[in-house]
Amino acid sequence: FSAAQRELPRLAELGVDIVWLMPIYPIGVEGRKGTLGSYYAIKDYCDINPEFGTLADFDSFLAEAHRLGLRVVIDWVANHTSWDSQWIYDHPEWYTHDENGEIIPPAGTGWNDVADLDFSKPDMCQEMIDAMKFWVEEVGVDGFRCDAADFVPYEFWQDCLQQLRAIEGK
């Protein structure tokens, strides 16, 4: 984040007004594709990938962006988590299961490095929304680009948008 922060004045001078960051969260190790893994295999929705720095580093990046009049949007990955997400251990019922009761990757995608979330589970849906609220209320991001949004039920997004828009000042 500190290296990216140094480039923010140049972006502002070019007339950029929104900076979109790909996933900034810690990624899973279990089932990782290749040596680097995928930044879309989210291990923890409310933390920072240490490859990029710390939450304090991100706060500094965000503060500088806002000082320069830039908005910051982060990628949100709602459809699935990594296989070693704490959610799998604490709430295996939040995931899609096959006929043998095994958690599965998103059907028909070939994304075997991630576990598919089951949006028929209200507690999971609210936890997902609460994680998004964390980034808006506690950290101060300006919005989200939602990855694979069409894999997630429309009703989830309706509830999510209603709750996010209810946050004062956003």
N, C-alpha and C. Protein backbone atom coordinates (compact mmCIF):
# COMPACT_ATOMS: atom_id res chain seq x y z
N PHE A 1 0.81 -1.20 0.00
CA PHE A 1 0.00 0.00 0.00
C PHE A 1 0.86 1.26 0.00
N SER A 2 1.99 1.21 0.67
CA SER A 2 2.82 2.41 0.71
C SER A 2 3.36 2.74 -0.67
N ALA A 3 3.73 1.73 -1.47
CA ALA A 3 4.20 1.99 -2.83
C ALA A 3 3.07 2.56 -3.69
N ALA A 4 1.88 2.02 -3.55
CA ALA A 4 0.73 2.52 -4.31
C ALA A 4 0.37 3.93 -3.85
N GLN A 5 0.51 4.19 -2.57
CA GLN A 5 0.18 5.52 -2.04
C GLN A 5 1.05 6.60 -2.69
N ARG A 6 2.30 6.28 -2.95
CA ARG A 6 3.20 7.26 -3.57
C ARG A 6 2.74 7.64 -4.98
N GLU A 7 1.94 6.80 -5.62
CA GLU A 7 1.46 7.07 -6.98
C GLU A 7 0.14 7.83 -7.01
N LEU A 8 -0.51 7.98 -5.86
CA LEU A 8 -1.82 8.63 -5.84
C LEU A 8 -1.80 10.07 -6.38
N PRO A 9 -0.81 10.90 -6.03
CA PRO A 9 -0.81 12.26 -6.60
C PRO A 9 -0.76 12.25 -8.13
N ARG A 10 0.01 11.35 -8.69
CA ARG A 10 0.10 11.26 -10.15
C ARG A 10 -1.26 10.87 -10.75
N LEU A 11 -1.95 9.94 -10.09
CA LEU A 11 -3.28 9.55 -10.57
C LEU A 11 -4.25 10.72 -10.51
N ALA A 12 -4.20 11.45 -9.41
CA ALA A 12 -5.08 12.62 -9.26
C ALA A 12 -4.78 13.66 -10.34
N GLU A 13 -3.49 13.88 -10.64
CA GLU A 13 -3.11 14.84 -11.69
C GLU A 13 -3.62 14.41 -13.06
N LEU A 14 -3.74 13.10 -13.28
CA LEU A 14 -4.25 12.58 -14.55
C LEU A 14 -5.77 12.72 -14.66
N GLY A 15 -6.42 13.10 -13.56
CA GLY A 15 -7.87 13.25 -13.57
C GLY A 15 -8.62 12.04 -13.06
N VAL A 16 -7.89 11.05 -12.56
CA VAL A 16 -8.54 9.88 -11.98
C VAL A 16 -9.30 10.33 -10.74
N ASP A 17 -10.50 9.80 -10.56
CA ASP A 17 -11.24 10.16 -9.35
C ASP A 17 -11.67 8.93 -8.53
N ILE A 18 -11.49 7.74 -9.08
CA ILE A 18 -11.79 6.51 -8.35
C ILE A 18 -10.64 5.52 -8.56
N VAL A 19 -10.18 4.94 -7.46
CA VAL A 19 -9.16 3.90 -7.51
C VAL A 19 -9.84 2.60 -7.11
N TRP A 20 -9.72 1.60 -7.98
CA TRP A 20 -10.31 0.29 -7.71
C TRP A 20 -9.18 -0.67 -7.40
N LEU A 21 -9.25 -1.29 -6.23
CA LEU A 21 -8.24 -2.27 -5.83
C LEU A 21 -8.82 -3.67 -5.92
N MET A 22 -8.06 -4.56 -6.52
CA MET A 22 -8.45 -5.97 -6.53
C MET A 22 -8.43 -6.47 -5.08
N PRO A 23 -8.84 -7.72 -4.81
CA PRO A 23 -8.96 -8.16 -3.41
C PRO A 23 -7.71 -7.88 -2.58
N ILE A 24 -7.94 -7.32 -1.40
CA ILE A 24 -6.86 -6.92 -0.49
C ILE A 24 -6.81 -7.81 0.75
N TYR A 25 -7.61 -8.85 0.80
CA TYR A 25 -7.77 -9.69 1.98
C TYR A 25 -6.75 -10.83 1.98
N PRO A 26 -6.49 -11.43 3.14
CA PRO A 26 -5.63 -12.62 3.18
C PRO A 26 -6.27 -13.73 2.33
N ILE A 27 -5.42 -14.46 1.63
CA ILE A 27 -5.92 -15.55 0.78
C ILE A 27 -5.52 -16.89 1.36
N GLY A 28 -6.27 -17.91 0.96
CA GLY A 28 -6.05 -19.24 1.49
C GLY A 28 -4.79 -19.90 0.98
N VAL A 29 -4.35 -20.88 1.76
CA VAL A 29 -3.21 -21.70 1.40
C VAL A 29 -3.69 -23.08 0.97
N GLU A 30 -4.69 -23.60 1.68
CA GLU A 30 -5.21 -24.93 1.37
C GLU A 30 -5.87 -24.94 0.00
N GLY A 31 -5.47 -25.87 -0.84
CA GLY A 31 -6.05 -25.99 -2.18
C GLY A 31 -5.59 -24.91 -3.14
N ARG A 32 -4.56 -24.18 -2.78
CA ARG A 32 -4.06 -23.05 -3.57
C ARG A 32 -3.68 -23.49 -4.98
N LYS A 33 -4.04 -22.67 -5.95
CA LYS A 33 -3.62 -22.91 -7.33
C LYS A 33 -2.23 -22.30 -7.53
N GLY A 34 -1.29 -23.13 -7.91
CA GLY A 34 0.07 -22.65 -8.12
C GLY A 34 0.73 -22.23 -6.82
N THR A 35 1.83 -21.53 -6.93
CA THR A 35 2.55 -21.11 -5.72
C THR A 35 2.00 -19.81 -5.14
N LEU A 36 1.42 -18.98 -5.99
CA LEU A 36 0.91 -17.70 -5.52
C LEU A 36 -0.53 -17.77 -5.03
N GLY A 37 -1.33 -18.65 -5.60
CA GLY A 37 -2.73 -18.72 -5.24
C GLY A 37 -3.53 -17.63 -5.92
N SER A 38 -4.81 -17.60 -5.61
CA SER A 38 -5.71 -16.62 -6.19
C SER A 38 -6.13 -15.60 -5.15
N TYR A 39 -6.08 -14.33 -5.53
CA TYR A 39 -6.54 -13.28 -4.62
C TYR A 39 -8.05 -13.31 -4.44
N TYR A 40 -8.72 -14.20 -5.16
CA TYR A 40 -10.17 -14.36 -5.04
C TYR A 40 -10.53 -15.54 -4.14
N ALA A 41 -9.54 -16.17 -3.52
CA ALA A 41 -9.75 -17.25 -2.55
C ALA A 41 -9.60 -16.63 -1.16
N ILE A 42 -10.65 -15.95 -0.72
CA ILE A 42 -10.61 -15.13 0.50
C ILE A 42 -10.59 -16.00 1.76
N LYS A 43 -9.62 -15.74 2.61
CA LYS A 43 -9.51 -16.45 3.88
C LYS A 43 -10.19 -15.68 5.01
N ASP A 44 -10.11 -14.35 4.96
CA ASP A 44 -10.67 -13.52 6.03
C ASP A 44 -11.16 -12.22 5.41
N TYR A 45 -12.47 -12.00 5.48
CA TYR A 45 -13.07 -10.82 4.87
C TYR A 45 -12.76 -9.51 5.60
N CYS A 46 -12.26 -9.59 6.83
CA CYS A 46 -12.05 -8.38 7.63
C CYS A 46 -10.59 -8.18 8.01
N ASP A 47 -9.69 -8.53 7.11
CA ASP A 47 -8.28 -8.34 7.38
C ASP A 47 -7.57 -7.98 6.08
N ILE A 48 -6.30 -7.68 6.20
CA ILE A 48 -5.47 -7.26 5.07
C ILE A 48 -4.46 -8.36 4.74
N ASN A 49 -4.27 -8.61 3.46
CA ASN A 49 -3.25 -9.54 3.01
C ASN A 49 -1.89 -8.96 3.40
N PRO A 50 -1.10 -9.68 4.20
CA PRO A 50 0.18 -9.12 4.63
C PRO A 50 1.16 -8.85 3.49
N GLU A 51 0.92 -9.43 2.31
CA GLU A 51 1.76 -9.12 1.14
C GLU A 51 1.65 -7.64 0.78
N PHE A 52 0.53 -7.01 1.14
CA PHE A 52 0.29 -5.61 0.77
C PHE A 52 0.61 -4.64 1.88
N GLY A 53 0.77 -5.14 3.10
CA GLY A 53 1.03 -4.28 4.24
C GLY A 53 0.09 -4.62 5.39
N THR A 54 -0.19 -3.62 6.18
CA THR A 54 -1.05 -3.78 7.35
C THR A 54 -2.31 -2.94 7.19
N LEU A 55 -3.23 -3.11 8.12
CA LEU A 55 -4.43 -2.27 8.10
C LEU A 55 -4.04 -0.80 8.29
N ALA A 56 -3.02 -0.54 9.10
CA ALA A 56 -2.54 0.84 9.27
C ALA A 56 -2.00 1.39 7.95
N ASP A 57 -1.30 0.55 7.18
CA ASP A 57 -0.81 0.97 5.86
C ASP A 57 -1.97 1.29 4.93
N PHE A 58 -3.01 0.44 4.98
CA PHE A 58 -4.18 0.70 4.14
C PHE A 58 -4.89 1.97 4.58
N ASP A 59 -5.00 2.18 5.89
CA ASP A 59 -5.61 3.41 6.41
C ASP A 59 -4.87 4.64 5.88
N SER A 60 -3.55 4.57 5.86
CA SER A 60 -2.74 5.68 5.35
C SER A 60 -2.99 5.90 3.86
N PHE A 61 -3.04 4.80 3.09
CA PHE A 61 -3.35 4.87 1.66
C PHE A 61 -4.71 5.52 1.44
N LEU A 62 -5.70 5.08 2.20
CA LEU A 62 -7.05 5.59 2.07
C LEU A 62 -7.12 7.07 2.45
N ALA A 63 -6.45 7.44 3.53
CA ALA A 63 -6.46 8.84 3.96
C ALA A 63 -5.84 9.74 2.89
N GLU A 64 -4.74 9.30 2.29
CA GLU A 64 -4.10 10.09 1.24
C GLU A 64 -4.99 10.19 0.00
N ALA A 65 -5.62 9.08 -0.35
CA ALA A 65 -6.54 9.10 -1.49
C ALA A 65 -7.66 10.10 -1.24
N HIS A 66 -8.25 10.04 -0.08
CA HIS A 66 -9.34 10.96 0.25
C HIS A 66 -8.86 12.42 0.29
N ARG A 67 -7.65 12.64 0.82
CA ARG A 67 -7.10 14.00 0.85
C ARG A 67 -6.97 14.56 -0.56
N LEU A 68 -6.67 13.69 -1.51
CA LEU A 68 -6.51 14.11 -2.90
C LEU A 68 -7.83 14.14 -3.68
N GLY A 69 -8.93 13.83 -2.99
CA GLY A 69 -10.23 13.84 -3.65
C GLY A 69 -10.56 12.56 -4.41
N LEU A 70 -9.81 11.51 -4.15
CA LEU A 70 -10.05 10.22 -4.80
C LEU A 70 -10.94 9.35 -3.92
N ARG A 71 -11.78 8.58 -4.57
CA ARG A 71 -12.56 7.56 -3.87
C ARG A 71 -11.87 6.22 -4.07
N VAL A 72 -12.04 5.33 -3.10
CA VAL A 72 -11.41 4.01 -3.18
C VAL A 72 -12.48 2.94 -3.10
N VAL A 73 -12.48 2.09 -4.12
CA VAL A 73 -13.40 0.97 -4.23
C VAL A 73 -12.57 -0.31 -4.13
N ILE A 74 -13.04 -1.27 -3.33
CA ILE A 74 -12.33 -2.54 -3.21
C ILE A 74 -13.17 -3.67 -3.79
N ASP A 75 -12.48 -4.66 -4.33
CA ASP A 75 -13.15 -5.85 -4.85
C ASP A 75 -13.77 -6.63 -3.71
N TRP A 76 -15.00 -7.07 -3.90
CA TRP A 76 -15.68 -7.90 -2.92
C TRP A 76 -15.99 -9.25 -3.55
N VAL A 77 -15.64 -10.31 -2.86
CA VAL A 77 -15.82 -11.67 -3.36
C VAL A 77 -16.85 -12.36 -2.48
N ALA A 78 -18.11 -12.29 -2.87
CA ALA A 78 -19.20 -12.80 -2.03
C ALA A 78 -19.53 -14.26 -2.28
N ASN A 79 -19.22 -14.79 -3.42
CA ASN A 79 -19.70 -16.11 -3.81
C ASN A 79 -19.04 -17.28 -3.10
N HIS A 80 -17.80 -17.11 -2.65
CA HIS A 80 -17.03 -18.24 -2.15
C HIS A 80 -15.90 -17.76 -1.25
N THR A 81 -15.33 -18.71 -0.50
CA THR A 81 -14.16 -18.43 0.34
C THR A 81 -13.07 -19.44 0.00
N SER A 82 -11.91 -19.26 0.61
CA SER A 82 -10.86 -20.26 0.51
C SER A 82 -11.27 -21.48 1.33
N TRP A 83 -10.58 -22.58 1.09
CA TRP A 83 -10.87 -23.82 1.82
C TRP A 83 -10.40 -23.76 3.27
N ASP A 84 -9.55 -22.80 3.60
CA ASP A 84 -9.09 -22.67 4.99
C ASP A 84 -9.61 -21.39 5.64
N SER A 85 -10.71 -20.88 5.13
CA SER A 85 -11.40 -19.77 5.79
C SER A 85 -11.92 -20.25 7.15
N GLN A 86 -11.88 -19.38 8.11
CA GLN A 86 -12.39 -19.74 9.44
C GLN A 86 -13.87 -20.09 9.38
N TRP A 87 -14.59 -19.52 8.41
CA TRP A 87 -16.01 -19.84 8.27
C TRP A 87 -16.23 -21.33 8.06
N ILE A 88 -15.36 -21.99 7.31
CA ILE A 88 -15.54 -23.44 7.06
C ILE A 88 -15.46 -24.22 8.37
N TYR A 89 -14.55 -23.82 9.24
CA TYR A 89 -14.39 -24.52 10.52
C TYR A 89 -15.52 -24.19 11.48
N ASP A 90 -15.90 -22.92 11.53
CA ASP A 90 -16.92 -22.48 12.49
C ASP A 90 -18.35 -22.73 12.00
N HIS A 91 -18.56 -22.64 10.69
CA HIS A 91 -19.92 -22.73 10.13
C HIS A 91 -19.95 -23.51 8.82
N PRO A 92 -19.64 -24.80 8.86
CA PRO A 92 -19.68 -25.58 7.61
C PRO A 92 -21.06 -25.58 6.96
N GLU A 93 -22.10 -25.32 7.76
CA GLU A 93 -23.46 -25.28 7.22
C GLU A 93 -23.68 -24.07 6.31
N TRP A 94 -22.78 -23.13 6.29
CA TRP A 94 -22.90 -21.95 5.43
C TRP A 94 -22.47 -22.24 4.00
N TYR A 95 -22.06 -23.45 3.72
CA TYR A 95 -21.52 -23.81 2.40
C TYR A 95 -22.43 -24.77 1.66
N THR A 96 -22.27 -24.81 0.36
CA THR A 96 -23.00 -25.75 -0.49
C THR A 96 -22.34 -27.13 -0.35
N HIS A 97 -23.19 -28.14 -0.19
CA HIS A 97 -22.71 -29.52 -0.01
C HIS A 97 -23.23 -30.41 -1.14
N ASP A 98 -22.44 -31.43 -1.45
CA ASP A 98 -22.90 -32.41 -2.43
C ASP A 98 -23.76 -33.46 -1.74
N GLU A 99 -24.19 -34.48 -2.49
CA GLU A 99 -25.07 -35.53 -1.96
C GLU A 99 -24.41 -36.34 -0.85
N ASN A 100 -23.08 -36.27 -0.73
CA ASN A 100 -22.36 -36.98 0.34
C ASN A 100 -22.09 -36.09 1.54
N GLY A 101 -22.59 -34.86 1.49
CA GLY A 101 -22.40 -33.93 2.60
C GLY A 101 -21.07 -33.19 2.57
N GLU A 102 -20.33 -33.29 1.46
CA GLU A 102 -19.04 -32.61 1.34
C GLU A 102 -19.22 -31.21 0.77
N ILE A 103 -18.48 -30.26 1.31
CA ILE A 103 -18.48 -28.90 0.77
C ILE A 103 -17.87 -28.95 -0.62
N ILE A 104 -18.45 -28.18 -1.54
CA ILE A 104 -18.02 -28.23 -2.94
C ILE A 104 -17.61 -26.85 -3.44
N PRO A 105 -16.82 -26.83 -4.52
CA PRO A 105 -16.52 -25.55 -5.19
C PRO A 105 -17.75 -25.09 -5.97
N PRO A 106 -17.76 -23.85 -6.44
CA PRO A 106 -18.88 -23.38 -7.26
C PRO A 106 -19.08 -24.27 -8.48
N ALA A 107 -20.29 -24.74 -8.64
CA ALA A 107 -20.62 -25.69 -9.71
C ALA A 107 -20.34 -25.11 -11.09
N GLY A 108 -19.76 -25.94 -11.94
CA GLY A 108 -19.56 -25.59 -13.33
C GLY A 108 -18.50 -24.54 -13.61
N THR A 109 -17.64 -24.22 -12.63
CA THR A 109 -16.68 -23.14 -12.81
C THR A 109 -15.24 -23.61 -12.99
N GLY A 110 -14.90 -24.76 -12.43
CA GLY A 110 -13.50 -25.19 -12.40
C GLY A 110 -12.70 -24.47 -11.34
N TRP A 111 -13.37 -23.71 -10.48
CA TRP A 111 -12.69 -22.98 -9.41
C TRP A 111 -12.52 -23.90 -8.21
N ASN A 112 -11.65 -24.87 -8.31
CA ASN A 112 -11.48 -25.87 -7.26
C ASN A 112 -10.71 -25.36 -6.06
N ASP A 113 -10.19 -24.15 -6.14
CA ASP A 113 -9.45 -23.59 -5.01
C ASP A 113 -10.34 -22.81 -4.05
N VAL A 114 -11.65 -22.81 -4.29
CA VAL A 114 -12.58 -22.09 -3.41
C VAL A 114 -13.79 -22.95 -3.08
N ALA A 115 -14.43 -22.64 -1.96
CA ALA A 115 -15.61 -23.35 -1.47
C ALA A 115 -16.84 -22.46 -1.67
N ASP A 116 -17.89 -23.03 -2.22
CA ASP A 116 -19.11 -22.31 -2.58
C ASP A 116 -19.96 -22.01 -1.35
N LEU A 117 -20.37 -20.75 -1.21
CA LEU A 117 -21.25 -20.36 -0.10
C LEU A 117 -22.71 -20.60 -0.47
N ASP A 118 -23.51 -20.92 0.55
CA ASP A 118 -24.93 -21.22 0.39
C ASP A 118 -25.74 -20.02 0.87
N PHE A 119 -26.29 -19.27 -0.08
CA PHE A 119 -27.01 -18.04 0.25
C PHE A 119 -28.43 -18.28 0.74
N SER A 120 -28.80 -19.53 0.99
CA SER A 120 -30.08 -19.81 1.64
C SER A 120 -29.93 -19.74 3.16
N LYS A 121 -28.71 -19.47 3.64
CA LYS A 121 -28.42 -19.41 5.08
C LYS A 121 -28.41 -17.94 5.54
N PRO A 122 -29.48 -17.52 6.23
CA PRO A 122 -29.57 -16.11 6.64
C PRO A 122 -28.40 -15.63 7.50
N ASP A 123 -27.89 -16.49 8.39
CA ASP A 123 -26.77 -16.06 9.24
C ASP A 123 -25.52 -15.77 8.42
N MET A 124 -25.27 -16.59 7.40
CA MET A 124 -24.12 -16.35 6.54
C MET A 124 -24.31 -15.04 5.77
N CYS A 125 -25.50 -14.84 5.24
CA CYS A 125 -25.76 -13.61 4.49
C CYS A 125 -25.52 -12.38 5.35
N GLN A 126 -26.00 -12.41 6.58
CA GLN A 126 -25.81 -11.25 7.45
C GLN A 126 -24.35 -11.07 7.83
N GLU A 127 -23.63 -12.16 8.04
CA GLU A 127 -22.19 -12.06 8.34
C GLU A 127 -21.44 -11.43 7.16
N MET A 128 -21.83 -11.81 5.95
CA MET A 128 -21.22 -11.24 4.74
C MET A 128 -21.49 -9.73 4.69
N ILE A 129 -22.72 -9.34 4.93
CA ILE A 129 -23.08 -7.92 4.91
C ILE A 129 -22.35 -7.18 6.03
N ASP A 130 -22.27 -7.78 7.21
CA ASP A 130 -21.55 -7.15 8.32
C ASP A 130 -20.08 -6.94 7.98
N ALA A 131 -19.48 -7.88 7.25
CA ALA A 131 -18.08 -7.72 6.84
C ALA A 131 -17.96 -6.53 5.88
N MET A 132 -18.92 -6.38 4.98
CA MET A 132 -18.90 -5.23 4.08
C MET A 132 -19.08 -3.93 4.86
N LYS A 133 -19.96 -3.95 5.84
CA LYS A 133 -20.16 -2.77 6.69
C LYS A 133 -18.87 -2.38 7.40
N PHE A 134 -18.10 -3.37 7.85
CA PHE A 134 -16.83 -3.11 8.50
C PHE A 134 -15.95 -2.22 7.63
N TRP A 135 -15.85 -2.55 6.33
CA TRP A 135 -14.97 -1.79 5.44
C TRP A 135 -15.48 -0.37 5.20
N VAL A 136 -16.79 -0.19 5.25
CA VAL A 136 -17.36 1.15 5.05
C VAL A 136 -17.31 1.95 6.35
N GLU A 137 -17.84 1.36 7.43
CA GLU A 137 -17.97 2.09 8.70
C GLU A 137 -16.65 2.24 9.45
N GLU A 138 -15.89 1.17 9.55
CA GLU A 138 -14.68 1.18 10.37
C GLU A 138 -13.45 1.64 9.61
N VAL A 139 -13.36 1.28 8.34
CA VAL A 139 -12.15 1.58 7.57
C VAL A 139 -12.35 2.81 6.69
N GLY A 140 -13.53 2.95 6.08
CA GLY A 140 -13.81 4.15 5.30
C GLY A 140 -13.73 4.00 3.80
N VAL A 141 -13.81 2.76 3.27
CA VAL A 141 -13.82 2.62 1.81
C VAL A 141 -15.10 3.25 1.26
N ASP A 142 -15.04 3.59 -0.01
CA ASP A 142 -16.15 4.30 -0.64
C ASP A 142 -17.11 3.40 -1.39
N GLY A 143 -16.74 2.15 -1.60
CA GLY A 143 -17.63 1.25 -2.32
C GLY A 143 -16.95 -0.05 -2.66
N PHE A 144 -17.69 -0.86 -3.39
CA PHE A 144 -17.24 -2.20 -3.74
C PHE A 144 -17.48 -2.48 -5.22
N ARG A 145 -16.59 -3.24 -5.81
CA ARG A 145 -16.81 -3.88 -7.10
C ARG A 145 -17.05 -5.34 -6.74
N CYS A 146 -18.19 -5.87 -7.06
CA CYS A 146 -18.58 -7.20 -6.60
C CYS A 146 -18.27 -8.25 -7.66
N ASP A 147 -17.32 -9.12 -7.32
CA ASP A 147 -16.88 -10.18 -8.21
C ASP A 147 -17.94 -11.28 -8.29
N ALA A 148 -18.14 -11.82 -9.47
CA ALA A 148 -19.09 -12.92 -9.71
C ALA A 148 -20.45 -12.61 -9.09
N ALA A 149 -20.86 -11.36 -9.19
CA ALA A 149 -22.11 -10.92 -8.56
C ALA A 149 -23.31 -11.71 -9.06
N ASP A 150 -23.26 -12.16 -10.31
CA ASP A 150 -24.39 -12.90 -10.86
C ASP A 150 -24.48 -14.33 -10.34
N PHE A 151 -23.48 -14.79 -9.60
CA PHE A 151 -23.53 -16.10 -8.95
C PHE A 151 -24.29 -16.03 -7.62
N VAL A 152 -24.49 -14.81 -7.14
CA VAL A 152 -25.11 -14.57 -5.83
C VAL A 152 -26.56 -14.15 -6.06
N PRO A 153 -27.49 -14.68 -5.25
CA PRO A 153 -28.91 -14.35 -5.46
C PRO A 153 -29.19 -12.84 -5.37
N TYR A 154 -30.07 -12.41 -6.25
CA TYR A 154 -30.49 -11.01 -6.31
C TYR A 154 -31.02 -10.52 -4.96
N GLU A 155 -31.73 -11.38 -4.26
CA GLU A 155 -32.32 -11.00 -2.96
C GLU A 155 -31.23 -10.64 -1.95
N PHE A 156 -30.10 -11.34 -2.01
CA PHE A 156 -28.98 -10.99 -1.12
C PHE A 156 -28.53 -9.57 -1.42
N TRP A 157 -28.33 -9.26 -2.70
CA TRP A 157 -27.85 -7.93 -3.06
C TRP A 157 -28.85 -6.85 -2.67
N GLN A 158 -30.15 -7.14 -2.80
CA GLN A 158 -31.16 -6.15 -2.39
C GLN A 158 -31.00 -5.82 -0.90
N ASP A 159 -30.91 -6.86 -0.06
CA ASP A 159 -30.74 -6.66 1.38
C ASP A 159 -29.42 -5.96 1.68
N CYS A 160 -28.37 -6.41 1.02
CA CYS A 160 -27.05 -5.82 1.22
C CYS A 160 -27.06 -4.32 0.90
N LEU A 161 -27.58 -3.97 -0.26
CA LEU A 161 -27.62 -2.56 -0.65
C LEU A 161 -28.45 -1.72 0.32
N GLN A 162 -29.57 -2.28 0.76
CA GLN A 162 -30.41 -1.54 1.71
C GLN A 162 -29.62 -1.26 3.00
N GLN A 163 -28.91 -2.27 3.51
CA GLN A 163 -28.14 -2.07 4.74
C GLN A 163 -26.94 -1.14 4.55
N LEU A 164 -26.25 -1.27 3.43
CA LEU A 164 -25.11 -0.40 3.18
C LEU A 164 -25.54 1.05 2.96
N ARG A 165 -26.62 1.23 2.24
CA ARG A 165 -27.10 2.60 1.99
C ARG A 165 -27.63 3.27 3.24
N ALA A 166 -27.99 2.47 4.23
CA ALA A 166 -28.49 3.02 5.49
C ALA A 166 -27.38 3.59 6.37
N ILE A 167 -26.14 3.31 6.01
CA ILE A 167 -25.01 3.83 6.78
C ILE A 167 -24.95 5.32 6.54
N GLU A 168 -25.01 6.06 7.61
CA GLU A 168 -25.04 7.52 7.52
C GLU A 168 -23.81 8.06 6.80
N GLY A 169 -24.03 8.94 5.89
CA GLY A 169 -22.94 9.60 5.17
C GLY A 169 -22.45 8.86 3.96
N LYS A 170 -23.04 7.70 3.64
CA LYS A 170 -22.57 6.92 2.48
C LYS A 170 -23.66 6.84 1.43
